[in-house]
Full PDB file with SEQRES, HELIX, SHEET, SSBOND, CRYST1, ORIGX, SCALE, CONECT and MASTER records, all heavy atoms in Angstrom:
SEQRES   1 A   42  LEU GLU GLY GLY GLN ARG PRO ALA PRO VAL ASP ALA ALA          
SEQRES   2 A   42  GLN ALA ALA ARG ALA LEU HIS GLU VAL ARG GLU LEU MET          
SEQRES   3 A   42  TRP SER THR VAL GLY VAL VAL ARG ASN ALA ALA ASP LEU          
SEQRES   4 A   42  GLU GLN THR                                                  
HELIX    1 AA1 ALA A   12  THR A   29  1                                  18    
HELIX    2 AA2 ALA A   36  GLN A   41  1                                   6    
CRYST1    1.000    1.000    1.000  90.00  90.00  90.00 P 1           1          
ORIGX1      1.000000  0.000000  0.000000        0.00000                         
ORIGX2      0.000000  1.000000  0.000000        0.00000                         
ORIGX3      0.000000  0.000000  1.000000        0.00000                         
SCALE1      1.000000  0.000000  0.000000        0.00000                         
SCALE2      0.000000  1.000000  0.000000        0.00000                         
SCALE3      0.000000  0.000000  1.000000        0.00000                         
ATOM      1  N   LEU A   1     110.720 143.620 102.651  1.00  0.00           N  
ATOM      2  CA  LEU A   1     111.262 142.278 102.811  1.00  0.00           C  
ATOM      3  C   LEU A   1     111.827 142.016 104.198  1.00  0.00           C  
ATOM      4  O   LEU A   1     112.038 140.862 104.560  1.00  0.00           O  
ATOM      5  CB  LEU A   1     112.366 142.037 101.777  1.00  0.00           C  
ATOM      6  CG  LEU A   1     111.918 142.043 100.312  1.00  0.00           C  
ATOM      7  CD1 LEU A   1     113.116 141.884  99.410  1.00  0.00           C  
ATOM      8  CD2 LEU A   1     110.902 140.942 100.047  1.00  0.00           C  
ATOM      9  N   GLU A   2     112.128 143.032 104.958  1.00  0.00           N  
ATOM     10  CA  GLU A   2     112.767 142.844 106.258  1.00  0.00           C  
ATOM     11  C   GLU A   2     111.927 141.907 107.137  1.00  0.00           C  
ATOM     12  O   GLU A   2     110.716 142.031 107.237  1.00  0.00           O  
ATOM     13  CB  GLU A   2     112.937 144.181 106.970  1.00  0.00           C  
ATOM     14  CG  GLU A   2     113.754 144.072 108.247  1.00  0.00           C  
ATOM     15  CD  GLU A   2     115.155 143.543 107.992  1.00  0.00           C  
ATOM     16  OE1 GLU A   2     115.832 144.036 107.085  1.00  0.00           O  
ATOM     17  OE2 GLU A   2     115.551 142.613 108.715  1.00  0.00           O  
ATOM     18  N   GLY A   3     112.616 140.948 107.710  1.00  0.00           N  
ATOM     19  CA  GLY A   3     111.903 139.985 108.540  1.00  0.00           C  
ATOM     20  C   GLY A   3     111.259 138.879 107.739  1.00  0.00           C  
ATOM     21  O   GLY A   3     110.414 138.158 108.261  1.00  0.00           O  
ATOM     22  N   GLY A   4     111.642 138.769 106.457  1.00  0.00           N  
ATOM     23  CA  GLY A   4     111.121 137.704 105.600  1.00  0.00           C  
ATOM     24  C   GLY A   4     111.401 136.341 106.174  1.00  0.00           C  
ATOM     25  O   GLY A   4     112.001 136.198 107.221  1.00  0.00           O  
ATOM     26  N   GLN A   5     111.012 135.324 105.469  1.00  0.00           N  
ATOM     27  CA  GLN A   5     111.002 133.972 106.022  1.00  0.00           C  
ATOM     28  C   GLN A   5     112.346 133.583 106.628  1.00  0.00           C  
ATOM     29  O   GLN A   5     113.369 133.655 105.997  1.00  0.00           O  
ATOM     30  CB  GLN A   5     110.638 132.974 104.930  1.00  0.00           C  
ATOM     31  CG  GLN A   5     109.218 133.175 104.399  1.00  0.00           C  
ATOM     32  CD  GLN A   5     108.838 132.088 103.439  1.00  0.00           C  
ATOM     33  OE1 GLN A   5     109.034 130.915 103.714  1.00  0.00           O  
ATOM     34  NE2 GLN A   5     108.290 132.472 102.300  1.00  0.00           N  
ATOM     35  N   ARG A   6     112.295 133.166 107.865  1.00  0.00           N  
ATOM     36  CA  ARG A   6     113.469 132.652 108.578  1.00  0.00           C  
ATOM     37  C   ARG A   6     113.073 131.330 109.222  1.00  0.00           C  
ATOM     38  O   ARG A   6     112.071 131.263 109.934  1.00  0.00           O  
ATOM     39  CB  ARG A   6     113.908 133.647 109.657  1.00  0.00           C  
ATOM     40  CG  ARG A   6     115.107 133.174 110.474  1.00  0.00           C  
ATOM     41  CD  ARG A   6     115.370 134.120 111.620  1.00  0.00           C  
ATOM     42  NE  ARG A   6     115.785 135.424 111.176  1.00  0.00           N  
ATOM     43  CZ  ARG A   6     117.040 135.748 110.893  1.00  0.00           C  
ATOM     44  NH1 ARG A   6     117.994 134.851 111.005  1.00  0.00           N  
ATOM     45  NH2 ARG A   6     117.348 136.966 110.502  1.00  0.00           N  
ATOM     46  N   PRO A   7     113.816 130.256 108.954  1.00  0.00           N  
ATOM     47  CA  PRO A   7     113.445 128.973 109.555  1.00  0.00           C  
ATOM     48  C   PRO A   7     113.351 129.086 111.070  1.00  0.00           C  
ATOM     49  O   PRO A   7     114.199 129.696 111.719  1.00  0.00           O  
ATOM     50  CB  PRO A   7     114.596 128.050 109.140  1.00  0.00           C  
ATOM     51  CG  PRO A   7     115.155 128.676 107.895  1.00  0.00           C  
ATOM     52  CD  PRO A   7     115.002 130.154 108.103  1.00  0.00           C  
ATOM     53  N   ALA A   8     112.311 128.482 111.625  1.00  0.00           N  
ATOM     54  CA  ALA A   8     112.129 128.525 113.072  1.00  0.00           C  
ATOM     55  C   ALA A   8     113.218 127.709 113.762  1.00  0.00           C  
ATOM     56  O   ALA A   8     113.628 126.660 113.267  1.00  0.00           O  
ATOM     57  CB  ALA A   8     110.754 127.982 113.436  1.00  0.00           C  
ATOM     58  N   PRO A   9     113.724 128.176 114.898  1.00  0.00           N  
ATOM     59  CA  PRO A   9     114.743 127.408 115.627  1.00  0.00           C  
ATOM     60  C   PRO A   9     114.137 126.155 116.250  1.00  0.00           C  
ATOM     61  O   PRO A   9     112.979 126.148 116.677  1.00  0.00           O  
ATOM     62  CB  PRO A   9     115.213 128.401 116.700  1.00  0.00           C  
ATOM     63  CG  PRO A   9     114.049 129.314 116.899  1.00  0.00           C  
ATOM     64  CD  PRO A   9     113.386 129.447 115.563  1.00  0.00           C  
ATOM     65  N   VAL A  10     114.923 125.085 116.290  1.00  0.00           N  
ATOM     66  CA  VAL A  10     114.481 123.843 116.916  1.00  0.00           C  
ATOM     67  C   VAL A  10     115.635 123.291 117.733  1.00  0.00           C  
ATOM     68  O   VAL A  10     116.790 123.701 117.568  1.00  0.00           O  
ATOM     69  CB  VAL A  10     114.039 122.796 115.869  1.00  0.00           C  
ATOM     70  CG1 VAL A  10     112.846 123.282 115.074  1.00  0.00           C  
ATOM     71  CG2 VAL A  10     115.193 122.440 114.933  1.00  0.00           C  
ATOM     72  N   ASP A  11     115.335 122.367 118.613  1.00  0.00           N  
ATOM     73  CA  ASP A  11     116.379 121.692 119.381  1.00  0.00           C  
ATOM     74  C   ASP A  11     117.198 120.819 118.437  1.00  0.00           C  
ATOM     75  O   ASP A  11     116.651 119.930 117.769  1.00  0.00           O  
ATOM     76  CB  ASP A  11     115.743 120.845 120.480  1.00  0.00           C  
ATOM     77  CG  ASP A  11     116.783 120.105 121.298  1.00  0.00           C  
ATOM     78  OD1 ASP A  11     117.362 120.723 122.209  1.00  0.00           O  
ATOM     79  OD2 ASP A  11     117.033 118.918 121.002  1.00  0.00           O  
ATOM     80  N   ALA A  12     118.500 121.065 118.362  1.00  0.00           N  
ATOM     81  CA  ALA A  12     119.346 120.381 117.392  1.00  0.00           C  
ATOM     82  C   ALA A  12     119.371 118.876 117.601  1.00  0.00           C  
ATOM     83  O   ALA A  12     119.330 118.094 116.641  1.00  0.00           O  
ATOM     84  CB  ALA A  12     120.764 120.947 117.447  1.00  0.00           C  
ATOM     85  N   ALA A  13     119.445 118.434 118.849  1.00  0.00           N  
ATOM     86  CA  ALA A  13     119.490 116.998 119.136  1.00  0.00           C  
ATOM     87  C   ALA A  13     118.180 116.321 118.746  1.00  0.00           C  
ATOM     88  O   ALA A  13     118.169 115.211 118.194  1.00  0.00           O  
ATOM     89  CB  ALA A  13     119.793 116.767 120.608  1.00  0.00           C  
ATOM     90  N   GLN A  14     117.070 116.991 119.024  1.00  0.00           N  
ATOM     91  CA  GLN A  14     115.762 116.442 118.664  1.00  0.00           C  
ATOM     92  C   GLN A  14     115.628 116.327 117.145  1.00  0.00           C  
ATOM     93  O   GLN A  14     115.142 115.315 116.619  1.00  0.00           O  
ATOM     94  CB  GLN A  14     114.652 117.331 119.225  1.00  0.00           C  
ATOM     95  CG  GLN A  14     113.241 116.805 118.932  1.00  0.00           C  
ATOM     96  CD  GLN A  14     112.153 117.796 119.333  1.00  0.00           C  
ATOM     97  OE1 GLN A  14     112.431 118.952 119.667  1.00  0.00           O  
ATOM     98  NE2 GLN A  14     110.911 117.339 119.305  1.00  0.00           N  
ATOM     99  N   ALA A  15     116.090 117.357 116.424  1.00  0.00           N  
ATOM    100  CA  ALA A  15     116.027 117.338 114.962  1.00  0.00           C  
ATOM    101  C   ALA A  15     116.917 116.237 114.392  1.00  0.00           C  
ATOM    102  O   ALA A  15     116.549 115.557 113.427  1.00  0.00           O  
ATOM    103  CB  ALA A  15     116.431 118.693 114.397  1.00  0.00           C  
ATOM    104  N   ALA A  16     118.097 116.045 114.993  1.00  0.00           N  
ATOM    105  CA  ALA A  16     119.010 114.997 114.520  1.00  0.00           C  
ATOM    106  C   ALA A  16     118.402 113.615 114.696  1.00  0.00           C  
ATOM    107  O   ALA A  16     118.527 112.740 113.831  1.00  0.00           O  
ATOM    108  CB  ALA A  16     120.344 115.098 115.255  1.00  0.00           C  
ATOM    109  N   ARG A  17     117.735 113.399 115.824  1.00  0.00           N  
ATOM    110  CA  ARG A  17     117.083 112.106 116.056  1.00  0.00           C  
ATOM    111  C   ARG A  17     115.965 111.878 115.044  1.00  0.00           C  
ATOM    112  O   ARG A  17     115.799 110.769 114.518  1.00  0.00           O  
ATOM    113  CB  ARG A  17     116.527 112.039 117.483  1.00  0.00           C  
ATOM    114  CG  ARG A  17     117.593 111.861 118.560  1.00  0.00           C  
ATOM    115  CD  ARG A  17     116.963 111.508 119.896  1.00  0.00           C  
ATOM    116  NE  ARG A  17     116.114 112.584 120.410  1.00  0.00           N  
ATOM    117  CZ  ARG A  17     116.532 113.567 121.182  1.00  0.00           C  
ATOM    118  NH1 ARG A  17     117.825 113.640 121.524  1.00  0.00           N  
ATOM    119  NH2 ARG A  17     115.695 114.494 121.620  1.00  0.00           N  
ATOM    120  N   ALA A  18     115.210 112.931 114.766  1.00  0.00           N  
ATOM    121  CA  ALA A  18     114.121 112.811 113.797  1.00  0.00           C  
ATOM    122  C   ALA A  18     114.663 112.507 112.403  1.00  0.00           C  
ATOM    123  O   ALA A  18     114.116 111.665 111.679  1.00  0.00           O  
ATOM    124  CB  ALA A  18     113.289 114.092 113.780  1.00  0.00           C  
ATOM    125  N   LEU A  19     115.747 113.185 112.017  1.00  0.00           N  
ATOM    126  CA  LEU A  19     116.324 112.952 110.702  1.00  0.00           C  
ATOM    127  C   LEU A  19     116.847 111.522 110.582  1.00  0.00           C  
ATOM    128  O   LEU A  19     116.675 110.871 109.539  1.00  0.00           O  
ATOM    129  CB  LEU A  19     117.449 113.954 110.440  1.00  0.00           C  
ATOM    130  CG  LEU A  19     118.182 113.812 109.102  1.00  0.00           C  
ATOM    131  CD1 LEU A  19     117.208 113.887 107.927  1.00  0.00           C  
ATOM    132  CD2 LEU A  19     119.259 114.880 108.968  1.00  0.00           C  
ATOM    133  N   HIS A  20     117.462 111.020 111.650  1.00  0.00           N  
ATOM    134  CA  HIS A  20     117.939 109.633 111.630  1.00  0.00           C  
ATOM    135  C   HIS A  20     116.776 108.669 111.404  1.00  0.00           C  
ATOM    136  O   HIS A  20     116.881 107.726 110.601  1.00  0.00           O  
ATOM    137  CB  HIS A  20     118.646 109.311 112.947  1.00  0.00           C  
ATOM    138  CG  HIS A  20     119.074 107.881 113.063  1.00  0.00           C  
ATOM    139  ND1 HIS A  20     120.197 107.390 112.432  1.00  0.00           N  
ATOM    140  CD2 HIS A  20     118.512 106.823 113.720  1.00  0.00           C  
ATOM    141  CE1 HIS A  20     120.316 106.092 112.695  1.00  0.00           C  
ATOM    142  NE2 HIS A  20     119.310 105.739 113.468  1.00  0.00           N  
ATOM    143  N   GLU A  21     115.672 108.914 112.094  1.00  0.00           N  
ATOM    144  CA  GLU A  21     114.518 108.033 111.934  1.00  0.00           C  
ATOM    145  C   GLU A  21     113.941 108.131 110.530  1.00  0.00           C  
ATOM    146  O   GLU A  21     113.552 107.116 109.928  1.00  0.00           O  
ATOM    147  CB  GLU A  21     113.451 108.361 112.978  1.00  0.00           C  
ATOM    148  CG  GLU A  21     112.281 107.396 112.938  1.00  0.00           C  
ATOM    149  CD  GLU A  21     111.302 107.591 114.083  1.00  0.00           C  
ATOM    150  OE1 GLU A  21     111.565 108.417 114.985  1.00  0.00           O  
ATOM    151  OE2 GLU A  21     110.251 106.900 114.054  1.00  0.00           O  
ATOM    152  N   VAL A  22     113.873 109.345 109.986  1.00  0.00           N  
ATOM    153  CA  VAL A  22     113.384 109.526 108.617  1.00  0.00           C  
ATOM    154  C   VAL A  22     114.245 108.717 107.640  1.00  0.00           C  
ATOM    155  O   VAL A  22     113.728 107.996 106.774  1.00  0.00           O  
ATOM    156  CB  VAL A  22     113.389 111.011 108.230  1.00  0.00           C  
ATOM    157  CG1 VAL A  22     113.208 111.187 106.716  1.00  0.00           C  
ATOM    158  CG2 VAL A  22     112.287 111.766 108.963  1.00  0.00           C  
ATOM    159  N   ARG A  23     115.548 108.831 107.767  1.00  0.00           N  
ATOM    160  CA  ARG A  23     116.443 108.117 106.858  1.00  0.00           C  
ATOM    161  C   ARG A  23     116.255 106.601 106.946  1.00  0.00           C  
ATOM    162  O   ARG A  23     116.238 105.902 105.930  1.00  0.00           O  
ATOM    163  CB  ARG A  23     117.894 108.491 107.165  1.00  0.00           C  
ATOM    164  CG  ARG A  23     118.284 109.881 106.672  1.00  0.00           C  
ATOM    165  CD  ARG A  23     119.624 110.302 107.201  1.00  0.00           C  
ATOM    166  NE  ARG A  23     120.163 111.425 106.439  1.00  0.00           N  
ATOM    167  CZ  ARG A  23     121.068 112.273 106.906  1.00  0.00           C  
ATOM    168  NH1 ARG A  23     121.557 112.121 108.142  1.00  0.00           N  
ATOM    169  NH2 ARG A  23     121.500 113.259 106.149  1.00  0.00           N  
ATOM    170  N   GLU A  24     116.133 106.082 108.155  1.00  0.00           N  
ATOM    171  CA  GLU A  24     115.967 104.641 108.321  1.00  0.00           C  
ATOM    172  C   GLU A  24     114.630 104.168 107.753  1.00  0.00           C  
ATOM    173  O   GLU A  24     114.557 103.114 107.091  1.00  0.00           O  
ATOM    174  CB  GLU A  24     116.074 104.260 109.800  1.00  0.00           C  
ATOM    175  CG  GLU A  24     117.457 104.465 110.403  1.00  0.00           C  
ATOM    176  CD  GLU A  24     118.513 103.561 109.778  1.00  0.00           C  
ATOM    177  OE1 GLU A  24     118.162 102.457 109.287  1.00  0.00           O  
ATOM    178  OE2 GLU A  24     119.703 103.965 109.748  1.00  0.00           O  
ATOM    179  N   LEU A  25     113.574 104.938 107.962  1.00  0.00           N  
ATOM    180  CA  LEU A  25     112.264 104.571 107.424  1.00  0.00           C  
ATOM    181  C   LEU A  25     112.241 104.671 105.906  1.00  0.00           C  
ATOM    182  O   LEU A  25     111.657 103.809 105.224  1.00  0.00           O  
ATOM    183  CB  LEU A  25     111.170 105.459 108.030  1.00  0.00           C  
ATOM    184  CG  LEU A  25     110.763 105.143 109.464  1.00  0.00           C  
ATOM    185  CD1 LEU A  25     109.866 106.237 110.018  1.00  0.00           C  
ATOM    186  CD2 LEU A  25     110.056 103.788 109.534  1.00  0.00           C  
ATOM    187  N   MET A  26     112.859 105.704 105.367  1.00  0.00           N  
ATOM    188  CA  MET A  26     112.916 105.835 103.908  1.00  0.00           C  
ATOM    189  C   MET A  26     113.657 104.649 103.302  1.00  0.00           C  
ATOM    190  O   MET A  26     113.235 104.097 102.280  1.00  0.00           O  
ATOM    191  CB  MET A  26     113.589 107.146 103.517  1.00  0.00           C  
ATOM    192  CG  MET A  26     112.773 108.385 103.804  1.00  0.00           C  
ATOM    193  SD  MET A  26     111.285 108.522 102.769  1.00  0.00           S  
ATOM    194  CE  MET A  26     112.029 108.932 101.181  1.00  0.00           C  
ATOM    195  N   TRP A  27     114.754 104.245 103.928  1.00  0.00           N  
ATOM    196  CA  TRP A  27     115.534 103.132 103.391  1.00  0.00           C  
ATOM    197  C   TRP A  27     114.760 101.816 103.457  1.00  0.00           C  
ATOM    198  O   TRP A  27     114.738 101.045 102.491  1.00  0.00           O  
ATOM    199  CB  TRP A  27     116.854 103.003 104.143  1.00  0.00           C  
ATOM    200  CG  TRP A  27     117.660 101.823 103.683  1.00  0.00           C  
ATOM    201  CD1 TRP A  27     117.922 100.668 104.360  1.00  0.00           C  
ATOM    202  CD2 TRP A  27     118.285 101.674 102.400  1.00  0.00           C  
ATOM    203  NE1 TRP A  27     118.664  99.814 103.593  1.00  0.00           N  
ATOM    204  CE2 TRP A  27     118.900 100.410 102.382  1.00  0.00           C  
ATOM    205  CE3 TRP A  27     118.372 102.492 101.276  1.00  0.00           C  
ATOM    206  CZ2 TRP A  27     119.598  99.936 101.270  1.00  0.00           C  
ATOM    207  CZ3 TRP A  27     119.059 102.020 100.159  1.00  0.00           C  
ATOM    208  CH2 TRP A  27     119.666 100.759 100.167  1.00  0.00           C  
ATOM    209  N   SER A  28     114.100 101.564 104.578  1.00  0.00           N  
ATOM    210  CA  SER A  28     113.456 100.263 104.774  1.00  0.00           C  
ATOM    211  C   SER A  28     112.097 100.162 104.096  1.00  0.00           C  
ATOM    212  O   SER A  28     111.682  99.054 103.712  1.00  0.00           O  
ATOM    213  CB  SER A  28     113.308  99.964 106.268  1.00  0.00           C  
ATOM    214  OG  SER A  28     112.504 100.944 106.910  1.00  0.00           O  
ATOM    215  N   THR A  29     111.392 101.284 103.900  1.00  0.00           N  
ATOM    216  CA  THR A  29     110.019 101.195 103.376  1.00  0.00           C  
ATOM    217  C   THR A  29     109.782 101.953 102.075  1.00  0.00           C  
ATOM    218  O   THR A  29     108.813 101.668 101.370  1.00  0.00           O  
ATOM    219  CB  THR A  29     109.013 101.698 104.425  1.00  0.00           C  
ATOM    220  OG1 THR A  29     109.173 103.106 104.624  1.00  0.00           O  
ATOM    221  CG2 THR A  29     109.181 100.971 105.748  1.00  0.00           C  
ATOM    222  N   VAL A  30     110.618 102.936 101.744  1.00  0.00           N  
ATOM    223  CA  VAL A  30     110.470 103.695 100.498  1.00  0.00           C  
ATOM    224  C   VAL A  30     111.739 103.494  99.664  1.00  0.00           C  
ATOM    225  O   VAL A  30     112.162 104.361  98.918  1.00  0.00           O  
ATOM    226  CB  VAL A  30     110.207 105.196 100.766  1.00  0.00           C  
ATOM    227  CG1 VAL A  30     109.603 105.867  99.526  1.00  0.00           C  
ATOM    228  CG2 VAL A  30     109.258 105.396 101.935  1.00  0.00           C  
ATOM    229  N   GLY A  31     112.341 102.320  99.860  1.00  0.00           N  
ATOM    230  CA  GLY A  31     113.612 102.022  99.219  1.00  0.00           C  
ATOM    231  C   GLY A  31     113.463 101.141  97.997  1.00  0.00           C  
ATOM    232  O   GLY A  31     112.555 101.319  97.183  1.00  0.00           O  
ATOM    233  N   VAL A  32     114.349 100.167  97.875  1.00  0.00           N  
ATOM    234  CA  VAL A  32     114.413  99.331  96.675  1.00  0.00           C  
ATOM    235  C   VAL A  32     113.123  98.549  96.477  1.00  0.00           C  
ATOM    236  O   VAL A  32     112.636  98.387  95.356  1.00  0.00           O  
ATOM    237  CB  VAL A  32     115.619  98.380  96.769  1.00  0.00           C  
ATOM    238  CG1 VAL A  32     115.666  97.432  95.579  1.00  0.00           C  
ATOM    239  CG2 VAL A  32     116.915  99.180  96.858  1.00  0.00           C  
ATOM    240  N   VAL A  33     112.527  98.043  97.574  1.00  0.00           N  
ATOM    241  CA  VAL A  33     111.276  97.279  97.522  1.00  0.00           C  
ATOM    242  C   VAL A  33     110.280  97.919  98.487  1.00  0.00           C  
ATOM    243  O   VAL A  33     110.619  98.193  99.641  1.00  0.00           O  
ATOM    244  CB  VAL A  33     111.511  95.802  97.890  1.00  0.00           C  
ATOM    245  CG1 VAL A  33     110.193  95.040  97.915  1.00  0.00           C  
ATOM    246  CG2 VAL A  33     112.476  95.155  96.898  1.00  0.00           C  
ATOM    247  N   ARG A  34     109.030  98.114  98.017  1.00  0.00           N  
ATOM    248  CA  ARG A  34     108.012  98.824  98.793  1.00  0.00           C  
ATOM    249  C   ARG A  34     106.729  98.001  98.840  1.00  0.00           C  
ATOM    250  O   ARG A  34     106.474  97.175  97.975  1.00  0.00           O  
ATOM    251  CB  ARG A  34     107.730 100.192  98.148  1.00  0.00           C  
ATOM    252  CG  ARG A  34     108.986 101.017  97.947  1.00  0.00           C  
ATOM    253  CD  ARG A  34     108.822 102.079  96.875  1.00  0.00           C  
ATOM    254  NE  ARG A  34     110.031 102.898  96.750  1.00  0.00           N  
ATOM    255  CZ  ARG A  34     110.145 103.949  95.950  1.00  0.00           C  
ATOM    256  NH1 ARG A  34     109.133 104.318  95.181  1.00  0.00           N  
ATOM    257  NH2 ARG A  34     111.269 104.634  95.904  1.00  0.00           N  
ATOM    258  N   ASN A  35     105.876  98.286  99.825  1.00  0.00           N  
ATOM    259  CA  ASN A  35     104.541  97.677  99.874  1.00  0.00           C  
ATOM    260  C   ASN A  35     103.616  98.590 100.655  1.00  0.00           C  
ATOM    261  O   ASN A  35     104.057  99.443 101.436  1.00  0.00           O  
ATOM    262  CB  ASN A  35     104.577  96.274 100.475  1.00  0.00           C  
ATOM    263  CG  ASN A  35     104.973  96.267 101.928  1.00  0.00           C  
ATOM    264  OD1 ASN A  35     104.203  96.668 102.798  1.00  0.00           O  
ATOM    265  ND2 ASN A  35     106.201  95.826 102.221  1.00  0.00           N  
ATOM    266  N   ALA A  36     102.307  98.399 100.456  1.00  0.00           N  
ATOM    267  CA  ALA A  36     101.320  99.321 101.013  1.00  0.00           C  
ATOM    268  C   ALA A  36     101.357  99.367 102.534  1.00  0.00           C  
ATOM    269  O   ALA A  36     101.302 100.447 103.129  1.00  0.00           O  
ATOM    270  CB  ALA A  36      99.921  98.937 100.534  1.00  0.00           C  
ATOM    271  N   ALA A  37     101.445  98.212 103.181  1.00  0.00           N  
ATOM    272  CA  ALA A  37     101.382  98.189 104.652  1.00  0.00           C  
ATOM    273  C   ALA A  37     102.523  98.999 105.254  1.00  0.00           C  
ATOM    274  O   ALA A  37     102.308  99.818 106.172  1.00  0.00           O  
ATOM    275  CB  ALA A  37     101.422  96.749 105.149  1.00  0.00           C  
ATOM    276  N   ASP A  38     103.740  98.801 104.757  1.00  0.00           N  
ATOM    277  CA  ASP A  38     104.887  99.542 105.281  1.00  0.00           C  
ATOM    278  C   ASP A  38     104.765 101.031 104.987  1.00  0.00           C  
ATOM    279  O   ASP A  38     105.083 101.874 105.844  1.00  0.00           O  
ATOM    280  CB  ASP A  38     106.180  99.006 104.671  1.00  0.00           C  
ATOM    281  CG  ASP A  38     106.569  97.644 105.217  1.00  0.00           C  
ATOM    282  OD1 ASP A  38     106.008  97.234 106.244  1.00  0.00           O  
ATOM    283  OD2 ASP A  38     107.440  96.998 104.608  1.00  0.00           O  
ATOM    284  N   LEU A  39     104.310 101.366 103.792  1.00  0.00           N  
ATOM    285  CA  LEU A  39     104.185 102.779 103.422  1.00  0.00           C  
ATOM    286  C   LEU A  39     103.147 103.485 104.283  1.00  0.00           C  
ATOM    287  O   LEU A  39     103.347 104.628 104.710  1.00  0.00           O  
ATOM    288  CB  LEU A  39     103.829 102.907 101.936  1.00  0.00           C  
ATOM    289  CG  LEU A  39     104.934 102.515 100.958  1.00  0.00           C  
ATOM    290  CD1 LEU A  39     104.378 102.380  99.546  1.00  0.00           C  
ATOM    291  CD2 LEU A  39     106.067 103.554 100.977  1.00  0.00           C  
ATOM    292  N   GLU A  40     102.042 102.826 104.557  1.00  0.00           N  
ATOM    293  CA  GLU A  40     101.005 103.437 105.401  1.00  0.00           C  
ATOM    294  C   GLU A  40     101.526 103.687 106.811  1.00  0.00           C  
ATOM    295  O   GLU A  40     101.280 104.747 107.403  1.00  0.00           O  
ATOM    296  CB  GLU A  40      99.769 102.536 105.421  1.00  0.00           C  
ATOM    297  CG  GLU A  40      98.997 102.556 104.108  1.00  0.00           C  
ATOM    298  CD  GLU A  40      97.932 101.478 104.028  1.00  0.00           C  
ATOM    299  OE1 GLU A  40      97.912 100.601 104.938  1.00  0.00           O  
ATOM    300  OE2 GLU A  40      97.144 101.496 103.070  1.00  0.00           O  
ATOM    301  N   GLN A  41     102.245 102.720 107.377  1.00  0.00           N  
ATOM    302  CA  GLN A  41     102.813 102.900 108.710  1.00  0.00           C  
ATOM    303  C   GLN A  41     103.836 104.031 108.721  1.00  0.00           C  
ATOM    304  O   GLN A  41     103.896 104.816 109.684  1.00  0.00           O  
ATOM    305  CB  GLN A  41     103.446 101.593 109.177  1.00  0.00           C  
ATOM    306  CG  GLN A  41     102.459 100.493 109.499  1.00  0.00           C  
ATOM    307  CD  GLN A  41     103.144  99.213 109.965  1.00  0.00           C  
ATOM    308  OE1 GLN A  41     104.354  99.184 110.149  1.00  0.00           O  
ATOM    309  NE2 GLN A  41     102.356  98.166 110.164  1.00  0.00           N  
ATOM    310  N   THR A  42     104.637 104.109 107.665  1.00  0.00           N  
ATOM    311  CA  THR A  42     105.639 105.179 107.585  1.00  0.00           C  
ATOM    312  C   THR A  42     104.983 106.543 107.506  1.00  0.00           C  
ATOM    313  O   THR A  42     105.425 107.494 108.169  1.00  0.00           O  
ATOM    314  CB  THR A  42     106.547 104.940 106.359  1.00  0.00           C  
ATOM    315  OG1 THR A  42     107.362 103.792 106.620  1.00  0.00           O  
ATOM    316  CG2 THR A  42     107.443 106.133 106.081  1.00  0.00           C  
TER     317      THR A  42                                                      
MASTER        0    0    0    2    0    0    0    6  316    1    0    4          
END                                                                             
C-alpha cells in the first residue's frame, strides 16, 4: 500500500478560482430552473 493514492498538488489560488466558477455555474444553470442551452454551455 505504500505510496497509495495521494491527491496531486495544485496551485491553491487557481483551484479556488475554479471552485468559485463551478459554484456560480451550478447555481445559475443546474439550480432551481434549468434548460438545455445553459447546461450544454456549462
